[in-house]
Protein backbone atom coordinates (compact mmCIF):
# COMPACT_ATOMS: atom_id res chain seq x y z
CA UNK A 1 0.00 0.00 0.00
CA UNK A 2 2.95 2.35 0.57
CA UNK A 3 5.35 3.65 -2.06
CA UNK A 4 7.80 4.68 0.64
CA UNK A 5 8.12 5.74 4.23
CA UNK A 6 9.98 8.72 5.58
CA UNK A 7 11.79 8.42 8.91
CA UNK A 8 11.97 11.86 10.53
CA UNK A 9 14.69 12.19 13.17
CA UNK A 10 13.92 14.86 15.74
CA UNK A 11 16.14 15.11 18.83
CA UNK A 12 17.07 11.47 18.49
CA UNK A 13 13.47 10.25 18.20
CA UNK A 14 12.42 8.41 15.05
CA UNK A 15 8.98 9.22 13.68
CA UNK A 16 7.77 7.47 10.56
CA UNK A 17 5.45 9.15 8.08
CA UNK A 18 4.05 7.04 5.26
CA UNK A 19 3.60 7.89 1.61
CA UNK A 20 0.46 6.33 0.21
CA UNK A 21 0.48 4.52 -3.09
CA UNK A 22 -1.64 5.69 -6.00
CA UNK A 23 -3.68 2.53 -5.60
CA UNK A 24 -4.60 3.50 -2.03
CA UNK A 25 -5.52 7.03 -3.10
CA UNK A 26 -7.70 5.72 -5.92
CA UNK A 27 -9.38 3.22 -3.61
CA UNK A 28 -10.15 5.96 -1.11
CA UNK A 29 -11.41 8.43 -3.71
CA UNK A 30 -13.68 5.89 -5.39
CA UNK A 31 -15.65 5.54 -2.17
CA UNK A 32 -17.15 9.00 -2.62
CA UNK A 33 -18.93 7.95 -5.82
CA UNK A 34 -21.71 6.28 -3.84
CA UNK A 35 -22.38 9.31 -1.66
CA UNK A 36 -22.29 11.66 -4.63
CA UNK A 37 -24.63 9.47 -6.68
CA UNK A 38 -27.20 9.04 -3.92
CA UNK A 39 -27.30 12.65 -2.73
CA UNK A 40 -27.42 14.09 -6.26
CA UNK A 41 -30.14 11.71 -7.46
CA UNK A 42 -32.25 12.43 -4.38
CA UNK A 43 -31.80 16.17 -4.73
CA UNK A 44 -32.61 16.18 -8.43
CA UNK A 45 -35.41 13.62 -8.73
CA UNK A 46 -36.93 12.49 -5.43
CA UNK A 47 -39.45 15.32 -5.02
CA UNK A 48 -40.50 14.91 -8.68
CA UNK A 49 -40.94 11.18 -8.10
CA UNK A 50 -43.19 11.77 -5.09
CA UNK A 51 -45.44 14.20 -6.94
CA UNK A 52 -45.48 12.88 -10.52
CA UNK A 53 -45.23 9.11 -9.93
CA UNK A 54 -46.52 8.48 -6.41
CA UNK A 55 -49.18 11.19 -6.71
CA UNK A 56 -48.52 13.17 -3.53
CA UNK A 57 -49.17 16.87 -3.45
CA UNK A 58 -46.08 19.11 -3.21
CA UNK A 59 -46.97 19.87 0.42
CA UNK A 60 -47.28 16.19 1.34
CA UNK A 61 -44.02 15.38 -0.43
CA UNK A 62 -42.30 18.18 1.48
CA UNK A 63 -43.61 16.81 4.79
CA UNK A 64 -42.27 13.32 4.04
CA UNK A 65 -38.84 14.68 3.11
CA UNK A 66 -38.73 17.02 6.11
CA UNK A 67 -39.55 14.23 8.56
CA UNK A 68 -36.95 11.96 7.03
CA UNK A 69 -34.21 14.59 6.98
CA UNK A 70 -34.89 15.78 10.52
CA UNK A 71 -33.18 12.67 11.88
CA UNK A 72 -29.87 13.75 10.34
CA UNK A 73 -28.94 16.25 13.03
CA UNK A 74 -29.45 13.53 15.66
CA UNK A 75 -27.67 10.58 14.08
CA UNK A 76 -24.54 12.47 12.92
CA UNK A 77 -23.07 13.06 16.40
CA UNK A 78 -24.20 9.61 17.55
CA UNK A 79 -22.44 7.93 14.64
CA UNK A 80 -19.34 10.06 15.13
CA UNK A 81 -19.21 9.05 18.80
CA UNK A 82 -19.56 5.35 17.95
CA UNK A 83 -16.94 5.48 15.18
CA UNK A 84 -14.41 7.31 17.37
CA UNK A 85 -14.64 4.58 19.99
CA UNK A 86 -14.60 1.58 17.67
CA UNK A 87 -11.55 -0.69 17.88
CA UNK A 88 -11.17 -3.61 15.46
CA UNK A 89 -8.38 -5.37 13.61
CA UNK A 90 -9.50 -3.40 10.53
CA UNK A 91 -9.27 -0.05 12.29
CA UNK A 92 -11.87 2.41 13.52
CA UNK A 93 -13.48 3.53 10.26
CA UNK A 94 -13.18 0.80 7.62
CA UNK A 95 -15.52 -1.75 9.26
CA UNK A 96 -18.41 0.67 8.79
CA UNK A 97 -17.73 0.73 5.05
CA UNK A 98 -17.75 -3.06 4.88
CA UNK A 99 -20.93 -3.58 6.90
CA UNK A 100 -22.68 -0.31 6.10
CA UNK A 101 -22.64 -0.54 2.30
CA UNK A 102 -25.49 -3.06 2.03
CA UNK A 103 -27.99 -1.26 4.34
CA UNK A 104 -27.09 1.98 2.58
CA UNK A 105 -27.85 0.44 -0.81
CA UNK A 106 -31.09 -1.29 0.23
CA UNK A 107 -32.50 1.78 1.94
CA UNK A 108 -31.72 3.86 -1.15
CA UNK A 109 -33.62 1.42 -3.37
CA UNK A 110 -36.63 1.45 -1.02
CA UNK A 111 -37.01 5.19 -1.57
CA UNK A 112 -37.90 4.54 -5.21
CA UNK A 113 -40.55 1.89 -4.63
CA UNK A 114 -44.18 2.89 -5.07
CA UNK A 115 -45.98 0.75 -2.44
CA UNK A 116 -49.55 -0.44 -3.17
CA UNK A 117 -51.07 2.19 -0.89
CA UNK A 118 -53.68 4.76 -1.83
CA UNK A 119 -54.13 6.59 1.44
CA UNK A 120 -52.19 9.86 1.43
CA UNK A 121 -51.18 9.60 5.08
CA UNK A 122 -50.00 6.03 4.62
CA UNK A 123 -47.80 7.13 1.71
CA UNK A 124 -46.40 10.03 3.73
CA UNK A 125 -45.67 7.63 6.59
CA UNK A 126 -43.92 5.16 4.28
CA UNK A 127 -41.68 7.70 2.56
CA UNK A 128 -40.93 9.47 5.85
CA UNK A 129 -39.77 6.17 7.35
CA UNK A 130 -37.92 5.16 4.18
CA UNK A 131 -36.07 8.47 4.10
CA UNK A 132 -35.26 8.24 7.81
CA UNK A 133 -33.91 4.72 7.28
CA UNK A 134 -31.86 5.88 4.30
CA UNK A 135 -30.43 8.84 6.19
CA UNK A 136 -29.43 6.67 9.15
CA UNK A 137 -27.82 4.08 6.84
CA UNK A 138 -25.99 6.74 4.85
CA UNK A 139 -24.65 8.31 8.05
CA UNK A 140 -23.46 4.89 9.22
CA UNK A 141 -21.21 4.80 6.16
CA UNK A 142 -20.30 8.38 5.29
CA UNK A 143 -19.29 9.64 8.74
CA UNK A 144 -16.55 6.99 9.07
CA UNK A 145 -15.62 7.44 5.41
CA UNK A 146 -14.93 11.16 5.76
CA UNK A 147 -13.12 10.51 9.04
CA UNK A 148 -10.90 7.95 7.31
CA UNK A 149 -8.53 10.49 5.73
CA UNK A 150 -6.48 11.26 8.88
CA UNK A 151 -6.43 7.55 9.73
CA UNK A 152 -4.59 6.75 6.49
CA UNK A 153 -1.73 9.22 6.87
CA UNK A 154 -0.38 11.99 9.07
CA UNK A 155 1.19 13.79 6.11
CA UNK A 156 -0.50 17.07 5.20
CA UNK A 157 0.44 16.63 1.54
CA UNK A 158 -0.88 13.08 1.43
CA UNK A 159 -4.17 14.11 3.04
CA UNK A 160 -4.50 16.87 0.47
CA UNK A 161 -3.91 14.32 -2.29
CA UNK A 162 -6.55 12.02 -0.80
CA UNK A 163 -9.06 14.86 -0.77
CA UNK A 164 -8.24 15.68 -4.40
CA UNK A 165 -8.91 12.09 -5.45
CA UNK A 166 -12.14 12.09 -3.46
CA UNK A 167 -13.37 15.33 -5.03
CA UNK A 168 -12.61 14.03 -8.53
CA UNK A 169 -14.82 10.99 -8.00
CA UNK A 170 -17.45 13.11 -6.27
CA UNK A 171 -17.76 15.33 -9.34
CA UNK A 172 -17.78 12.27 -11.60
CA UNK A 173 -20.59 10.75 -9.55
CA UNK A 174 -22.63 13.94 -9.77
CA UNK A 175 -22.28 14.06 -13.57
CA UNK A 176 -23.48 10.45 -13.84
CA UNK A 177 -26.36 11.11 -11.44
CA UNK A 178 -27.67 14.01 -13.52
CA UNK A 179 -27.72 12.02 -16.78
CA UNK A 180 -28.12 8.24 -16.44
CA UNK A 181 -31.24 8.07 -14.20
CA UNK A 182 -33.40 10.05 -16.61
CA UNK A 183 -32.22 7.83 -19.48
CA UNK A 184 -33.48 4.80 -17.54
CA UNK A 185 -36.76 6.38 -16.41
CA UNK A 186 -37.66 8.28 -19.57
CA UNK A 187 -40.25 10.48 -17.88
CA UNK A 188 -41.76 10.74 -14.43
CA UNK A 189 -45.32 9.41 -14.70
CA UNK A 190 -47.39 6.84 -12.74
CA UNK A 191 -46.95 4.20 -15.43
CA UNK A 192 -43.15 4.52 -15.13
CA UNK A 193 -43.05 3.39 -11.49
CA UNK A 194 -41.36 0.14 -12.50
CA UNK A 195 -38.64 1.99 -14.39
CA UNK A 196 -38.04 4.26 -11.41
CA UNK A 197 -37.62 1.24 -9.12
CA UNK A 198 -35.22 -0.32 -11.64
CA UNK A 199 -33.18 2.87 -11.58
CA UNK A 200 -33.13 2.73 -7.78
CA UNK A 201 -31.88 -0.86 -7.77
CA UNK A 202 -29.18 -0.21 -10.38
CA UNK A 203 -27.81 2.74 -8.46
CA UNK A 204 -28.14 0.90 -5.16
CA UNK A 205 -25.54 -1.52 -6.50
CA UNK A 206 -23.48 1.41 -7.79
CA UNK A 207 -23.32 3.05 -4.36
CA UNK A 208 -22.41 -0.12 -2.46
CA UNK A 209 -19.51 -1.38 -4.56
CA UNK A 210 -17.30 1.75 -4.19
CA UNK A 211 -17.44 1.46 -0.40
CA UNK A 212 -16.21 -2.12 -0.58
CA UNK A 213 -13.43 -0.97 -2.91
CA UNK A 214 -12.36 1.59 -0.31
CA UNK A 215 -12.46 -1.02 2.44
CA UNK A 216 -10.31 -3.46 0.48
CA UNK A 217 -7.92 -0.91 -0.99
CA UNK A 218 -6.96 1.10 2.10
CA UNK A 219 -5.34 0.49 5.48
CA UNK A 220 -5.57 2.57 8.63
CA UNK A 221 -1.92 3.11 9.58
CA UNK A 222 -1.82 6.19 11.82
CA UNK A 223 -0.52 5.15 15.23
CA UNK A 224 1.31 2.15 13.80
CA UNK A 225 4.23 4.04 12.30
CA UNK A 226 4.43 6.88 14.79
CA UNK A 227 2.85 10.15 15.81
CA UNK A 228 4.74 12.69 13.71
CA UNK A 229 6.29 16.04 14.61
CA UNK A 230 6.00 19.54 13.15
CA UNK A 231 9.64 19.67 12.05
CA UNK A 232 12.57 17.34 11.64
CA UNK A 233 16.30 17.75 11.97
CA UNK A 234 17.00 15.16 9.29
CA UNK A 235 15.00 13.04 6.85
CA UNK A 236 15.84 9.58 5.59
CA UNK A 237 13.66 8.19 2.81
CA UNK A 238 13.49 4.45 2.32
CA UNK A 239 11.83 3.26 -0.90
CA UNK A 240 10.33 -0.19 -1.47
C-alpha atoms as a PDB file:
ATOM      1  CA  UNK A   1       0.000   0.000   0.000  1.00  0.00           C
ATOM      2  CA  UNK A   2       2.949   2.354   0.571  1.00  0.00           C
ATOM      3  CA  UNK A   3       5.355   3.652  -2.058  1.00  0.00           C
ATOM      4  CA  UNK A   4       7.802   4.677   0.643  1.00  0.00           C
ATOM      5  CA  UNK A   5       8.118   5.736   4.226  1.00  0.00           C
ATOM      6  CA  UNK A   6       9.976   8.720   5.579  1.00  0.00           C
ATOM      7  CA  UNK A   7      11.790   8.425   8.912  1.00  0.00           C
ATOM      8  CA  UNK A   8      11.972  11.860  10.530  1.00  0.00           C
ATOM      9  CA  UNK A   9      14.690  12.190  13.169  1.00  0.00           C
ATOM     10  CA  UNK A  10      13.919  14.864  15.741  1.00  0.00           C
ATOM     11  CA  UNK A  11      16.139  15.112  18.830  1.00  0.00           C
ATOM     12  CA  UNK A  12      17.073  11.471  18.489  1.00  0.00           C
ATOM     13  CA  UNK A  13      13.468  10.247  18.205  1.00  0.00           C
ATOM     14  CA  UNK A  14      12.419   8.414  15.050  1.00  0.00           C
ATOM     15  CA  UNK A  15       8.979   9.218  13.684  1.00  0.00           C
ATOM     16  CA  UNK A  16       7.770   7.474  10.563  1.00  0.00           C
ATOM     17  CA  UNK A  17       5.445   9.149   8.075  1.00  0.00           C
ATOM     18  CA  UNK A  18       4.046   7.036   5.263  1.00  0.00           C
ATOM     19  CA  UNK A  19       3.598   7.887   1.612  1.00  0.00           C
ATOM     20  CA  UNK A  20       0.458   6.333   0.207  1.00  0.00           C
ATOM     21  CA  UNK A  21       0.481   4.520  -3.092  1.00  0.00           C
ATOM     22  CA  UNK A  22      -1.641   5.687  -5.997  1.00  0.00           C
ATOM     23  CA  UNK A  23      -3.684   2.532  -5.597  1.00  0.00           C
ATOM     24  CA  UNK A  24      -4.597   3.504  -2.035  1.00  0.00           C
ATOM     25  CA  UNK A  25      -5.515   7.027  -3.101  1.00  0.00           C
ATOM     26  CA  UNK A  26      -7.702   5.717  -5.918  1.00  0.00           C
ATOM     27  CA  UNK A  27      -9.381   3.220  -3.606  1.00  0.00           C
ATOM     28  CA  UNK A  28     -10.148   5.958  -1.109  1.00  0.00           C
ATOM     29  CA  UNK A  29     -11.407   8.432  -3.706  1.00  0.00           C
ATOM     30  CA  UNK A  30     -13.677   5.889  -5.391  1.00  0.00           C
ATOM     31  CA  UNK A  31     -15.648   5.539  -2.172  1.00  0.00           C
ATOM     32  CA  UNK A  32     -17.155   8.997  -2.619  1.00  0.00           C
ATOM     33  CA  UNK A  33     -18.933   7.953  -5.821  1.00  0.00           C
ATOM     34  CA  UNK A  34     -21.714   6.283  -3.842  1.00  0.00           C
ATOM     35  CA  UNK A  35     -22.385   9.312  -1.661  1.00  0.00           C
ATOM     36  CA  UNK A  36     -22.285  11.657  -4.633  1.00  0.00           C
ATOM     37  CA  UNK A  37     -24.630   9.469  -6.683  1.00  0.00           C
ATOM     38  CA  UNK A  38     -27.198   9.036  -3.923  1.00  0.00           C
ATOM     39  CA  UNK A  39     -27.296  12.645  -2.725  1.00  0.00           C
ATOM     40  CA  UNK A  40     -27.418  14.088  -6.264  1.00  0.00           C
ATOM     41  CA  UNK A  41     -30.136  11.711  -7.456  1.00  0.00           C
ATOM     42  CA  UNK A  42     -32.251  12.425  -4.380  1.00  0.00           C
ATOM     43  CA  UNK A  43     -31.797  16.172  -4.726  1.00  0.00           C
ATOM     44  CA  UNK A  44     -32.611  16.176  -8.428  1.00  0.00           C
ATOM     45  CA  UNK A  45     -35.407  13.623  -8.729  1.00  0.00           C
ATOM     46  CA  UNK A  46     -36.934  12.493  -5.433  1.00  0.00           C
ATOM     47  CA  UNK A  47     -39.446  15.324  -5.022  1.00  0.00           C
ATOM     48  CA  UNK A  48     -40.501  14.912  -8.675  1.00  0.00           C
ATOM     49  CA  UNK A  49     -40.942  11.179  -8.102  1.00  0.00           C
ATOM     50  CA  UNK A  50     -43.188  11.766  -5.091  1.00  0.00           C
ATOM     51  CA  UNK A  51     -45.435  14.198  -6.936  1.00  0.00           C
ATOM     52  CA  UNK A  52     -45.480  12.875 -10.520  1.00  0.00           C
ATOM     53  CA  UNK A  53     -45.233   9.112  -9.935  1.00  0.00           C
ATOM     54  CA  UNK A  54     -46.519   8.483  -6.408  1.00  0.00           C
ATOM     55  CA  UNK A  55     -49.178  11.185  -6.709  1.00  0.00           C
ATOM     56  CA  UNK A  56     -48.517  13.166  -3.529  1.00  0.00           C
ATOM     57  CA  UNK A  57     -49.170  16.874  -3.448  1.00  0.00           C
ATOM     58  CA  UNK A  58     -46.082  19.112  -3.206  1.00  0.00           C
ATOM     59  CA  UNK A  59     -46.974  19.866   0.421  1.00  0.00           C
ATOM     60  CA  UNK A  60     -47.278  16.187   1.343  1.00  0.00           C
ATOM     61  CA  UNK A  61     -44.016  15.381  -0.431  1.00  0.00           C
ATOM     62  CA  UNK A  62     -42.298  18.184   1.485  1.00  0.00           C
ATOM     63  CA  UNK A  63     -43.610  16.814   4.787  1.00  0.00           C
ATOM     64  CA  UNK A  64     -42.274  13.317   4.036  1.00  0.00           C
ATOM     65  CA  UNK A  65     -38.845  14.682   3.110  1.00  0.00           C
ATOM     66  CA  UNK A  66     -38.733  17.024   6.108  1.00  0.00           C
ATOM     67  CA  UNK A  67     -39.554  14.232   8.564  1.00  0.00           C
ATOM     68  CA  UNK A  68     -36.955  11.963   7.026  1.00  0.00           C
ATOM     69  CA  UNK A  69     -34.209  14.588   6.975  1.00  0.00           C
ATOM     70  CA  UNK A  70     -34.892  15.784  10.523  1.00  0.00           C
ATOM     71  CA  UNK A  71     -33.176  12.671  11.877  1.00  0.00           C
ATOM     72  CA  UNK A  72     -29.868  13.747  10.341  1.00  0.00           C
ATOM     73  CA  UNK A  73     -28.936  16.254  13.034  1.00  0.00           C
ATOM     74  CA  UNK A  74     -29.445  13.526  15.658  1.00  0.00           C
ATOM     75  CA  UNK A  75     -27.674  10.578  14.082  1.00  0.00           C
ATOM     76  CA  UNK A  76     -24.541  12.471  12.918  1.00  0.00           C
ATOM     77  CA  UNK A  77     -23.069  13.065  16.399  1.00  0.00           C
ATOM     78  CA  UNK A  78     -24.203   9.612  17.550  1.00  0.00           C
ATOM     79  CA  UNK A  79     -22.443   7.932  14.645  1.00  0.00           C
ATOM     80  CA  UNK A  80     -19.342  10.062  15.131  1.00  0.00           C
ATOM     81  CA  UNK A  81     -19.209   9.049  18.795  1.00  0.00           C
ATOM     82  CA  UNK A  82     -19.556   5.348  17.953  1.00  0.00           C
ATOM     83  CA  UNK A  83     -16.943   5.482  15.182  1.00  0.00           C
ATOM     84  CA  UNK A  84     -14.412   7.312  17.366  1.00  0.00           C
ATOM     85  CA  UNK A  85     -14.638   4.578  19.991  1.00  0.00           C
ATOM     86  CA  UNK A  86     -14.596   1.582  17.667  1.00  0.00           C
ATOM     87  CA  UNK A  87     -11.553  -0.690  17.884  1.00  0.00           C
ATOM     88  CA  UNK A  88     -11.166  -3.613  15.463  1.00  0.00           C
ATOM     89  CA  UNK A  89      -8.381  -5.366  13.611  1.00  0.00           C
ATOM     90  CA  UNK A  90      -9.498  -3.401  10.534  1.00  0.00           C
ATOM     91  CA  UNK A  91      -9.275  -0.049  12.295  1.00  0.00           C
ATOM     92  CA  UNK A  92     -11.868   2.407  13.522  1.00  0.00           C
ATOM     93  CA  UNK A  93     -13.476   3.529  10.259  1.00  0.00           C
ATOM     94  CA  UNK A  94     -13.177   0.804   7.618  1.00  0.00           C
ATOM     95  CA  UNK A  95     -15.520  -1.753   9.263  1.00  0.00           C
ATOM     96  CA  UNK A  96     -18.408   0.675   8.787  1.00  0.00           C
ATOM     97  CA  UNK A  97     -17.732   0.733   5.055  1.00  0.00           C
ATOM     98  CA  UNK A  98     -17.752  -3.057   4.884  1.00  0.00           C
ATOM     99  CA  UNK A  99     -20.929  -3.579   6.902  1.00  0.00           C
ATOM    100  CA  UNK A 100     -22.684  -0.311   6.100  1.00  0.00           C
ATOM    101  CA  UNK A 101     -22.642  -0.538   2.302  1.00  0.00           C
ATOM    102  CA  UNK A 102     -25.488  -3.063   2.033  1.00  0.00           C
ATOM    103  CA  UNK A 103     -27.994  -1.263   4.342  1.00  0.00           C
ATOM    104  CA  UNK A 104     -27.086   1.976   2.576  1.00  0.00           C
ATOM    105  CA  UNK A 105     -27.850   0.441  -0.815  1.00  0.00           C
ATOM    106  CA  UNK A 106     -31.095  -1.293   0.232  1.00  0.00           C
ATOM    107  CA  UNK A 107     -32.496   1.782   1.945  1.00  0.00           C
ATOM    108  CA  UNK A 108     -31.724   3.863  -1.152  1.00  0.00           C
ATOM    109  CA  UNK A 109     -33.621   1.417  -3.373  1.00  0.00           C
ATOM    110  CA  UNK A 110     -36.632   1.453  -1.020  1.00  0.00           C
ATOM    111  CA  UNK A 111     -37.006   5.188  -1.567  1.00  0.00           C
ATOM    112  CA  UNK A 112     -37.901   4.542  -5.208  1.00  0.00           C
ATOM    113  CA  UNK A 113     -40.551   1.890  -4.627  1.00  0.00           C
ATOM    114  CA  UNK A 114     -44.178   2.893  -5.069  1.00  0.00           C
ATOM    115  CA  UNK A 115     -45.979   0.749  -2.440  1.00  0.00           C
ATOM    116  CA  UNK A 116     -49.553  -0.444  -3.169  1.00  0.00           C
ATOM    117  CA  UNK A 117     -51.072   2.188  -0.889  1.00  0.00           C
ATOM    118  CA  UNK A 118     -53.677   4.760  -1.834  1.00  0.00           C
ATOM    119  CA  UNK A 119     -54.133   6.591   1.444  1.00  0.00           C
ATOM    120  CA  UNK A 120     -52.188   9.855   1.428  1.00  0.00           C
ATOM    121  CA  UNK A 121     -51.176   9.601   5.077  1.00  0.00           C
ATOM    122  CA  UNK A 122     -49.995   6.030   4.618  1.00  0.00           C
ATOM    123  CA  UNK A 123     -47.798   7.128   1.715  1.00  0.00           C
ATOM    124  CA  UNK A 124     -46.405  10.031   3.727  1.00  0.00           C
ATOM    125  CA  UNK A 125     -45.665   7.629   6.589  1.00  0.00           C
ATOM    126  CA  UNK A 126     -43.919   5.156   4.275  1.00  0.00           C
ATOM    127  CA  UNK A 127     -41.679   7.700   2.564  1.00  0.00           C
ATOM    128  CA  UNK A 128     -40.928   9.466   5.848  1.00  0.00           C
ATOM    129  CA  UNK A 129     -39.774   6.172   7.348  1.00  0.00           C
ATOM    130  CA  UNK A 130     -37.919   5.156   4.180  1.00  0.00           C
ATOM    131  CA  UNK A 131     -36.068   8.473   4.101  1.00  0.00           C
ATOM    132  CA  UNK A 132     -35.260   8.241   7.808  1.00  0.00           C
ATOM    133  CA  UNK A 133     -33.909   4.719   7.283  1.00  0.00           C
ATOM    134  CA  UNK A 134     -31.860   5.883   4.300  1.00  0.00           C
ATOM    135  CA  UNK A 135     -30.431   8.842   6.193  1.00  0.00           C
ATOM    136  CA  UNK A 136     -29.427   6.673   9.145  1.00  0.00           C
ATOM    137  CA  UNK A 137     -27.820   4.077   6.844  1.00  0.00           C
ATOM    138  CA  UNK A 138     -25.986   6.741   4.853  1.00  0.00           C
ATOM    139  CA  UNK A 139     -24.648   8.311   8.052  1.00  0.00           C
ATOM    140  CA  UNK A 140     -23.464   4.888   9.224  1.00  0.00           C
ATOM    141  CA  UNK A 141     -21.213   4.800   6.158  1.00  0.00           C
ATOM    142  CA  UNK A 142     -20.299   8.383   5.293  1.00  0.00           C
ATOM    143  CA  UNK A 143     -19.293   9.641   8.739  1.00  0.00           C
ATOM    144  CA  UNK A 144     -16.550   6.986   9.073  1.00  0.00           C
ATOM    145  CA  UNK A 145     -15.621   7.443   5.407  1.00  0.00           C
ATOM    146  CA  UNK A 146     -14.926  11.157   5.757  1.00  0.00           C
ATOM    147  CA  UNK A 147     -13.121  10.507   9.042  1.00  0.00           C
ATOM    148  CA  UNK A 148     -10.898   7.946   7.311  1.00  0.00           C
ATOM    149  CA  UNK A 149      -8.530  10.489   5.727  1.00  0.00           C
ATOM    150  CA  UNK A 150      -6.478  11.259   8.883  1.00  0.00           C
ATOM    151  CA  UNK A 151      -6.434   7.546   9.726  1.00  0.00           C
ATOM    152  CA  UNK A 152      -4.590   6.755   6.489  1.00  0.00           C
ATOM    153  CA  UNK A 153      -1.731   9.220   6.867  1.00  0.00           C
ATOM    154  CA  UNK A 154      -0.380  11.991   9.065  1.00  0.00           C
ATOM    155  CA  UNK A 155       1.188  13.793   6.114  1.00  0.00           C
ATOM    156  CA  UNK A 156      -0.496  17.069   5.196  1.00  0.00           C
ATOM    157  CA  UNK A 157       0.435  16.635   1.536  1.00  0.00           C
ATOM    158  CA  UNK A 158      -0.883  13.079   1.432  1.00  0.00           C
ATOM    159  CA  UNK A 159      -4.166  14.111   3.043  1.00  0.00           C
ATOM    160  CA  UNK A 160      -4.495  16.872   0.467  1.00  0.00           C
ATOM    161  CA  UNK A 161      -3.905  14.323  -2.285  1.00  0.00           C
ATOM    162  CA  UNK A 162      -6.547  12.018  -0.802  1.00  0.00           C
ATOM    163  CA  UNK A 163      -9.059  14.860  -0.771  1.00  0.00           C
ATOM    164  CA  UNK A 164      -8.240  15.685  -4.399  1.00  0.00           C
ATOM    165  CA  UNK A 165      -8.913  12.091  -5.448  1.00  0.00           C
ATOM    166  CA  UNK A 166     -12.142  12.093  -3.457  1.00  0.00           C
ATOM    167  CA  UNK A 167     -13.368  15.328  -5.034  1.00  0.00           C
ATOM    168  CA  UNK A 168     -12.611  14.025  -8.532  1.00  0.00           C
ATOM    169  CA  UNK A 169     -14.825  10.988  -8.000  1.00  0.00           C
ATOM    170  CA  UNK A 170     -17.453  13.109  -6.271  1.00  0.00           C
ATOM    171  CA  UNK A 171     -17.756  15.328  -9.343  1.00  0.00           C
ATOM    172  CA  UNK A 172     -17.777  12.273 -11.605  1.00  0.00           C
ATOM    173  CA  UNK A 173     -20.592  10.746  -9.549  1.00  0.00           C
ATOM    174  CA  UNK A 174     -22.629  13.942  -9.774  1.00  0.00           C
ATOM    175  CA  UNK A 175     -22.282  14.061 -13.574  1.00  0.00           C
ATOM    176  CA  UNK A 176     -23.483  10.453 -13.840  1.00  0.00           C
ATOM    177  CA  UNK A 177     -26.365  11.114 -11.439  1.00  0.00           C
ATOM    178  CA  UNK A 178     -27.666  14.011 -13.520  1.00  0.00           C
ATOM    179  CA  UNK A 179     -27.720  12.024 -16.776  1.00  0.00           C
ATOM    180  CA  UNK A 180     -28.119   8.243 -16.443  1.00  0.00           C
ATOM    181  CA  UNK A 181     -31.244   8.070 -14.202  1.00  0.00           C
ATOM    182  CA  UNK A 182     -33.396  10.049 -16.608  1.00  0.00           C
ATOM    183  CA  UNK A 183     -32.215   7.830 -19.478  1.00  0.00           C
ATOM    184  CA  UNK A 184     -33.485   4.804 -17.537  1.00  0.00           C
ATOM    185  CA  UNK A 185     -36.759   6.382 -16.415  1.00  0.00           C
ATOM    186  CA  UNK A 186     -37.661   8.276 -19.568  1.00  0.00           C
ATOM    187  CA  UNK A 187     -40.247  10.475 -17.880  1.00  0.00           C
ATOM    188  CA  UNK A 188     -41.763  10.739 -14.427  1.00  0.00           C
ATOM    189  CA  UNK A 189     -45.320   9.409 -14.703  1.00  0.00           C
ATOM    190  CA  UNK A 190     -47.388   6.840 -12.743  1.00  0.00           C
ATOM    191  CA  UNK A 191     -46.946   4.203 -15.434  1.00  0.00           C
ATOM    192  CA  UNK A 192     -43.155   4.523 -15.129  1.00  0.00           C
ATOM    193  CA  UNK A 193     -43.054   3.394 -11.486  1.00  0.00           C
ATOM    194  CA  UNK A 194     -41.358   0.144 -12.495  1.00  0.00           C
ATOM    195  CA  UNK A 195     -38.636   1.991 -14.389  1.00  0.00           C
ATOM    196  CA  UNK A 196     -38.036   4.262 -11.406  1.00  0.00           C
ATOM    197  CA  UNK A 197     -37.617   1.242  -9.124  1.00  0.00           C
ATOM    198  CA  UNK A 198     -35.219  -0.317 -11.639  1.00  0.00           C
ATOM    199  CA  UNK A 199     -33.178   2.870 -11.577  1.00  0.00           C
ATOM    200  CA  UNK A 200     -33.128   2.725  -7.778  1.00  0.00           C
ATOM    201  CA  UNK A 201     -31.885  -0.862  -7.774  1.00  0.00           C
ATOM    202  CA  UNK A 202     -29.184  -0.208 -10.380  1.00  0.00           C
ATOM    203  CA  UNK A 203     -27.814   2.743  -8.463  1.00  0.00           C
ATOM    204  CA  UNK A 204     -28.142   0.899  -5.157  1.00  0.00           C
ATOM    205  CA  UNK A 205     -25.540  -1.520  -6.501  1.00  0.00           C
ATOM    206  CA  UNK A 206     -23.481   1.407  -7.794  1.00  0.00           C
ATOM    207  CA  UNK A 207     -23.322   3.050  -4.364  1.00  0.00           C
ATOM    208  CA  UNK A 208     -22.411  -0.116  -2.459  1.00  0.00           C
ATOM    209  CA  UNK A 209     -19.512  -1.382  -4.564  1.00  0.00           C
ATOM    210  CA  UNK A 210     -17.305   1.753  -4.195  1.00  0.00           C
ATOM    211  CA  UNK A 211     -17.437   1.463  -0.402  1.00  0.00           C
ATOM    212  CA  UNK A 212     -16.208  -2.123  -0.578  1.00  0.00           C
ATOM    213  CA  UNK A 213     -13.429  -0.974  -2.911  1.00  0.00           C
ATOM    214  CA  UNK A 214     -12.362   1.588  -0.306  1.00  0.00           C
ATOM    215  CA  UNK A 215     -12.462  -1.021   2.439  1.00  0.00           C
ATOM    216  CA  UNK A 216     -10.314  -3.464   0.481  1.00  0.00           C
ATOM    217  CA  UNK A 217      -7.915  -0.910  -0.986  1.00  0.00           C
ATOM    218  CA  UNK A 218      -6.959   1.101   2.102  1.00  0.00           C
ATOM    219  CA  UNK A 219      -5.337   0.488   5.477  1.00  0.00           C
ATOM    220  CA  UNK A 220      -5.566   2.567   8.632  1.00  0.00           C
ATOM    221  CA  UNK A 221      -1.925   3.109   9.576  1.00  0.00           C
ATOM    222  CA  UNK A 222      -1.816   6.190  11.822  1.00  0.00           C
ATOM    223  CA  UNK A 223      -0.516   5.152  15.226  1.00  0.00           C
ATOM    224  CA  UNK A 224       1.310   2.151  13.797  1.00  0.00           C
ATOM    225  CA  UNK A 225       4.234   4.037  12.300  1.00  0.00           C
ATOM    226  CA  UNK A 226       4.429   6.880  14.792  1.00  0.00           C
ATOM    227  CA  UNK A 227       2.849  10.150  15.806  1.00  0.00           C
ATOM    228  CA  UNK A 228       4.745  12.685  13.707  1.00  0.00           C
ATOM    229  CA  UNK A 229       6.291  16.035  14.611  1.00  0.00           C
ATOM    230  CA  UNK A 230       5.997  19.537  13.148  1.00  0.00           C
ATOM    231  CA  UNK A 231       9.636  19.667  12.054  1.00  0.00           C
ATOM    232  CA  UNK A 232      12.571  17.337  11.636  1.00  0.00           C
ATOM    233  CA  UNK A 233      16.297  17.750  11.972  1.00  0.00           C
ATOM    234  CA  UNK A 234      17.001  15.158   9.292  1.00  0.00           C
ATOM    235  CA  UNK A 235      15.002  13.043   6.849  1.00  0.00           C
ATOM    236  CA  UNK A 236      15.841   9.583   5.591  1.00  0.00           C
ATOM    237  CA  UNK A 237      13.658   8.191   2.806  1.00  0.00           C
ATOM    238  CA  UNK A 238      13.486   4.448   2.316  1.00  0.00           C
ATOM    239  CA  UNK A 239      11.834   3.256  -0.901  1.00  0.00           C
ATOM    240  CA  UNK A 240      10.332  -0.185  -1.468  1.00  0.00           C
END
